[in-house]
């Protein structure tokens, strides 16, 4: 299953500095709407980049993903709560 839900508004713009062999980049996070367990069960992952999906609190997610991604997720949740788009650098909110 591809992503067939409409994308919502832009939540996060995150500048990521170059590191090791990875070049610098900009990551955009959009509001994907509200999902339920049925949506998650129906997800298919055709490649090996994504292995599974689930619902987690920010604290639980921090234990499962790299700190940069966890910080970006926290910034996205703040953006939803505050009704704004946030600017980050390395996952840390700067505006």
N, C-alpha and C. Protein backbone atom coordinates (compact mmCIF):
# COMPACT_ATOMS: atom_id res chain seq x y z
N UNK A 1 0.84 -1.17 0.00
CA UNK A 1 0.00 0.00 0.00
C UNK A 1 0.89 1.23 0.00
N UNK A 2 0.69 2.13 -0.94
CA UNK A 2 1.37 3.42 -0.93
C UNK A 2 0.61 4.36 0.00
N UNK A 3 1.17 5.51 0.19
CA UNK A 3 0.51 6.50 1.06
C UNK A 3 -0.58 7.15 0.25
N UNK A 4 -1.85 6.86 0.57
CA UNK A 4 -2.96 7.42 -0.19
C UNK A 4 -3.75 8.46 0.60
N UNK A 5 -3.25 8.86 1.74
CA UNK A 5 -3.88 9.91 2.53
C UNK A 5 -3.35 11.26 2.04
N UNK A 6 -4.20 12.29 2.02
CA UNK A 6 -3.69 13.60 1.61
C UNK A 6 -2.72 14.15 2.66
N UNK A 7 -1.69 14.83 2.17
CA UNK A 7 -0.75 15.45 3.09
C UNK A 7 -1.35 16.73 3.64
N UNK A 8 -1.09 16.97 4.89
CA UNK A 8 -1.54 18.20 5.53
C UNK A 8 -0.48 19.27 5.44
N UNK A 9 -0.54 20.19 6.37
CA UNK A 9 0.36 21.33 6.33
C UNK A 9 1.79 20.96 6.73
N UNK A 10 2.71 21.84 6.39
CA UNK A 10 4.11 21.67 6.73
C UNK A 10 4.29 21.91 8.22
N UNK A 11 4.90 20.96 8.92
CA UNK A 11 5.12 21.07 10.36
C UNK A 11 6.54 21.48 10.71
N UNK A 12 7.52 20.86 10.04
CA UNK A 12 8.93 21.06 10.40
C UNK A 12 9.78 21.22 9.15
N UNK A 13 10.70 22.18 9.21
CA UNK A 13 11.80 22.30 8.26
C UNK A 13 13.07 22.15 9.10
N UNK A 14 13.86 21.12 8.82
CA UNK A 14 15.02 20.80 9.65
C UNK A 14 16.29 20.76 8.79
N UNK A 15 17.22 21.67 9.08
CA UNK A 15 18.52 21.66 8.41
C UNK A 15 19.41 20.63 9.11
N UNK A 16 19.99 19.74 8.31
CA UNK A 16 20.86 18.69 8.84
C UNK A 16 22.27 18.91 8.27
N UNK A 17 23.22 19.13 9.15
CA UNK A 17 24.61 19.36 8.74
C UNK A 17 25.21 18.08 8.15
N UNK A 18 26.24 18.25 7.29
CA UNK A 18 26.91 17.06 6.76
C UNK A 18 27.61 16.29 7.89
N UNK A 19 27.61 14.98 7.76
CA UNK A 19 28.26 14.15 8.77
C UNK A 19 28.77 12.88 8.11
N UNK A 20 30.00 12.53 8.40
CA UNK A 20 30.65 11.37 7.80
C UNK A 20 30.50 11.44 6.28
N UNK A 21 29.89 10.46 5.66
CA UNK A 21 29.72 10.46 4.20
C UNK A 21 28.38 11.06 3.77
N UNK A 22 27.57 11.50 4.73
CA UNK A 22 26.25 12.05 4.41
C UNK A 22 26.37 13.55 4.12
N UNK A 23 25.84 14.03 2.99
CA UNK A 23 25.89 15.46 2.71
C UNK A 23 24.87 16.22 3.55
N UNK A 24 25.00 17.54 3.59
CA UNK A 24 24.01 18.33 4.30
C UNK A 24 22.66 18.17 3.60
N UNK A 25 21.60 18.48 4.31
CA UNK A 25 20.28 18.34 3.72
C UNK A 25 19.24 19.12 4.49
N UNK A 26 18.06 19.13 3.93
CA UNK A 26 16.90 19.74 4.56
C UNK A 26 15.80 18.70 4.59
N UNK A 27 15.23 18.49 5.78
CA UNK A 27 14.16 17.51 5.96
C UNK A 27 12.86 18.26 6.20
N UNK A 28 11.82 17.87 5.50
CA UNK A 28 10.50 18.46 5.66
C UNK A 28 9.58 17.42 6.30
N UNK A 29 8.80 17.82 7.29
CA UNK A 29 7.83 16.93 7.92
C UNK A 29 6.45 17.55 7.73
N UNK A 30 5.54 16.77 7.14
CA UNK A 30 4.18 17.22 6.90
C UNK A 30 3.22 16.47 7.81
N UNK A 31 2.10 17.09 8.10
CA UNK A 31 1.05 16.45 8.88
C UNK A 31 0.40 15.38 8.00
N UNK A 32 0.44 14.15 8.46
CA UNK A 32 -0.13 13.04 7.71
C UNK A 32 -1.54 12.68 8.13
N UNK A 33 -2.12 13.46 9.03
CA UNK A 33 -3.47 13.17 9.48
C UNK A 33 -3.48 12.19 10.64
N UNK A 34 -4.66 11.78 11.00
CA UNK A 34 -4.85 10.87 12.13
C UNK A 34 -5.02 9.45 11.60
N UNK A 35 -4.23 8.53 12.13
CA UNK A 35 -4.32 7.13 11.75
C UNK A 35 -4.86 6.32 12.91
N UNK A 36 -5.39 5.15 12.59
CA UNK A 36 -5.82 4.23 13.65
C UNK A 36 -5.14 2.88 13.41
N UNK A 37 -5.42 1.94 14.28
CA UNK A 37 -4.78 0.61 14.18
C UNK A 37 -5.05 -0.06 12.84
N UNK A 38 -6.24 0.14 12.28
CA UNK A 38 -6.57 -0.45 10.98
C UNK A 38 -5.63 0.06 9.90
N UNK A 39 -5.35 1.36 9.91
CA UNK A 39 -4.43 1.93 8.93
C UNK A 39 -3.05 1.30 9.06
N UNK A 40 -2.58 1.14 10.29
CA UNK A 40 -1.25 0.59 10.52
C UNK A 40 -1.19 -0.87 10.07
N UNK A 41 -2.20 -1.65 10.38
CA UNK A 41 -2.23 -3.07 10.00
C UNK A 41 -2.20 -3.23 8.48
N UNK A 42 -2.82 -2.31 7.76
CA UNK A 42 -2.88 -2.40 6.30
C UNK A 42 -1.61 -1.93 5.60
N UNK A 43 -0.70 -1.32 6.32
CA UNK A 43 0.52 -0.81 5.69
C UNK A 43 1.38 -1.95 5.18
N UNK A 44 1.94 -1.74 3.99
CA UNK A 44 2.87 -2.69 3.39
C UNK A 44 4.17 -1.95 3.14
N UNK A 45 5.28 -2.63 3.33
CA UNK A 45 6.59 -2.04 3.16
C UNK A 45 7.33 -2.81 2.08
N UNK A 46 7.31 -2.30 0.83
CA UNK A 46 7.87 -3.04 -0.30
C UNK A 46 9.38 -3.17 -0.29
N UNK A 47 10.08 -2.28 0.41
CA UNK A 47 11.53 -2.41 0.48
C UNK A 47 11.92 -2.64 1.94
N UNK A 48 13.19 -2.67 2.20
CA UNK A 48 13.63 -2.97 3.56
C UNK A 48 13.98 -1.72 4.36
N UNK A 49 13.68 -0.54 3.81
CA UNK A 49 14.00 0.69 4.54
C UNK A 49 13.13 0.82 5.78
N UNK A 50 11.84 0.53 5.66
CA UNK A 50 10.91 0.56 6.79
C UNK A 50 10.53 -0.88 7.10
N UNK A 51 10.68 -1.27 8.35
CA UNK A 51 10.39 -2.65 8.73
C UNK A 51 9.04 -2.81 9.41
N UNK A 52 8.57 -1.77 10.12
CA UNK A 52 7.30 -1.87 10.82
C UNK A 52 6.80 -0.47 11.15
N UNK A 53 5.56 -0.41 11.61
CA UNK A 53 4.96 0.86 12.02
C UNK A 53 4.14 0.60 13.28
N UNK A 54 4.00 1.61 14.11
CA UNK A 54 3.22 1.46 15.33
C UNK A 54 3.00 2.81 15.97
N UNK A 55 2.28 2.80 17.07
CA UNK A 55 2.00 4.01 17.83
C UNK A 55 2.85 4.03 19.09
N UNK A 56 3.55 5.14 19.30
CA UNK A 56 4.44 5.27 20.45
C UNK A 56 4.34 6.67 21.03
N UNK A 57 4.57 6.78 22.31
CA UNK A 57 4.72 8.10 22.92
C UNK A 57 6.09 8.63 22.50
N UNK A 58 6.33 9.91 22.73
CA UNK A 58 7.63 10.48 22.42
C UNK A 58 8.72 9.79 23.24
N UNK A 59 8.44 9.51 24.49
CA UNK A 59 9.43 8.82 25.35
C UNK A 59 9.74 7.43 24.78
N UNK A 60 8.72 6.69 24.38
CA UNK A 60 8.94 5.36 23.79
C UNK A 60 9.70 5.46 22.48
N UNK A 61 9.36 6.46 21.66
CA UNK A 61 10.04 6.64 20.38
C UNK A 61 11.52 6.94 20.59
N UNK A 62 11.85 7.74 21.60
CA UNK A 62 13.26 8.07 21.88
C UNK A 62 14.09 6.82 22.12
N UNK A 63 13.48 5.77 22.66
CA UNK A 63 14.20 4.53 22.91
C UNK A 63 14.36 3.68 21.64
N UNK A 64 13.63 4.03 20.57
CA UNK A 64 13.63 3.21 19.36
C UNK A 64 14.35 3.84 18.17
N UNK A 65 14.52 5.16 18.19
CA UNK A 65 15.10 5.84 17.03
C UNK A 65 16.31 6.67 17.45
N UNK A 66 17.06 7.14 16.48
CA UNK A 66 18.22 7.98 16.75
C UNK A 66 17.76 9.31 17.35
N UNK A 67 18.61 9.93 18.17
CA UNK A 67 18.25 11.19 18.83
C UNK A 67 17.79 12.29 17.86
N UNK A 68 18.44 12.41 16.72
CA UNK A 68 18.06 13.43 15.74
C UNK A 68 16.61 13.26 15.30
N UNK A 69 16.21 12.04 15.01
CA UNK A 69 14.84 11.77 14.60
C UNK A 69 13.87 11.98 15.76
N UNK A 70 14.25 11.55 16.94
CA UNK A 70 13.38 11.75 18.11
C UNK A 70 13.14 13.23 18.36
N UNK A 71 14.19 14.05 18.25
CA UNK A 71 14.03 15.49 18.43
C UNK A 71 13.11 16.08 17.36
N UNK A 72 13.26 15.61 16.13
CA UNK A 72 12.41 16.10 15.03
C UNK A 72 10.95 15.71 15.26
N UNK A 73 10.71 14.51 15.77
CA UNK A 73 9.34 14.08 16.09
C UNK A 73 8.73 14.97 17.18
N UNK A 74 9.52 15.26 18.20
CA UNK A 74 9.03 16.13 19.28
C UNK A 74 8.71 17.52 18.75
N UNK A 75 9.55 18.04 17.86
CA UNK A 75 9.30 19.35 17.25
C UNK A 75 8.02 19.33 16.41
N UNK A 76 7.79 18.23 15.70
CA UNK A 76 6.57 18.11 14.89
C UNK A 76 5.32 18.10 15.76
N UNK A 77 5.39 17.40 16.88
CA UNK A 77 4.23 17.39 17.80
C UNK A 77 3.98 18.77 18.39
N UNK A 78 5.05 19.51 18.71
CA UNK A 78 4.88 20.89 19.17
C UNK A 78 4.21 21.74 18.10
N UNK A 79 4.63 21.56 16.85
CA UNK A 79 4.05 22.32 15.74
C UNK A 79 2.56 22.05 15.61
N UNK A 80 2.16 20.79 15.77
CA UNK A 80 0.74 20.44 15.70
C UNK A 80 -0.01 21.13 16.83
N UNK A 81 0.53 21.01 18.04
CA UNK A 81 -0.14 21.59 19.22
C UNK A 81 -0.26 23.11 19.13
N UNK A 82 0.76 23.77 18.57
CA UNK A 82 0.80 25.23 18.53
C UNK A 82 0.24 25.82 17.24
N UNK A 83 -0.05 24.96 16.26
CA UNK A 83 -0.60 25.43 14.99
C UNK A 83 0.39 26.24 14.18
N UNK A 84 1.68 25.87 14.26
CA UNK A 84 2.73 26.61 13.57
C UNK A 84 3.60 25.66 12.76
N UNK A 85 4.49 26.23 11.96
CA UNK A 85 5.57 25.47 11.32
C UNK A 85 6.84 25.84 12.07
N UNK A 86 7.62 24.84 12.46
CA UNK A 86 8.84 25.12 13.22
C UNK A 86 10.07 24.92 12.34
N UNK A 87 11.08 25.72 12.64
CA UNK A 87 12.37 25.61 11.96
C UNK A 87 13.34 24.98 12.94
N UNK A 88 14.05 23.96 12.47
CA UNK A 88 15.00 23.25 13.33
C UNK A 88 16.37 23.20 12.66
N UNK A 89 17.37 23.00 13.50
CA UNK A 89 18.71 22.67 13.01
C UNK A 89 19.16 21.46 13.81
N UNK A 90 19.46 20.40 13.08
CA UNK A 90 19.83 19.13 13.71
C UNK A 90 18.76 18.66 14.69
N UNK A 91 17.49 18.86 14.35
CA UNK A 91 16.40 18.39 15.17
C UNK A 91 16.03 19.32 16.31
N UNK A 92 16.86 20.34 16.57
CA UNK A 92 16.61 21.27 17.66
C UNK A 92 15.87 22.49 17.14
N UNK A 93 14.78 22.81 17.76
CA UNK A 93 13.97 23.94 17.33
C UNK A 93 14.73 25.24 17.52
N UNK A 94 14.77 26.06 16.46
CA UNK A 94 15.43 27.36 16.54
C UNK A 94 14.44 28.50 16.26
N UNK A 95 13.26 28.19 15.75
CA UNK A 95 12.24 29.22 15.51
C UNK A 95 10.86 28.57 15.37
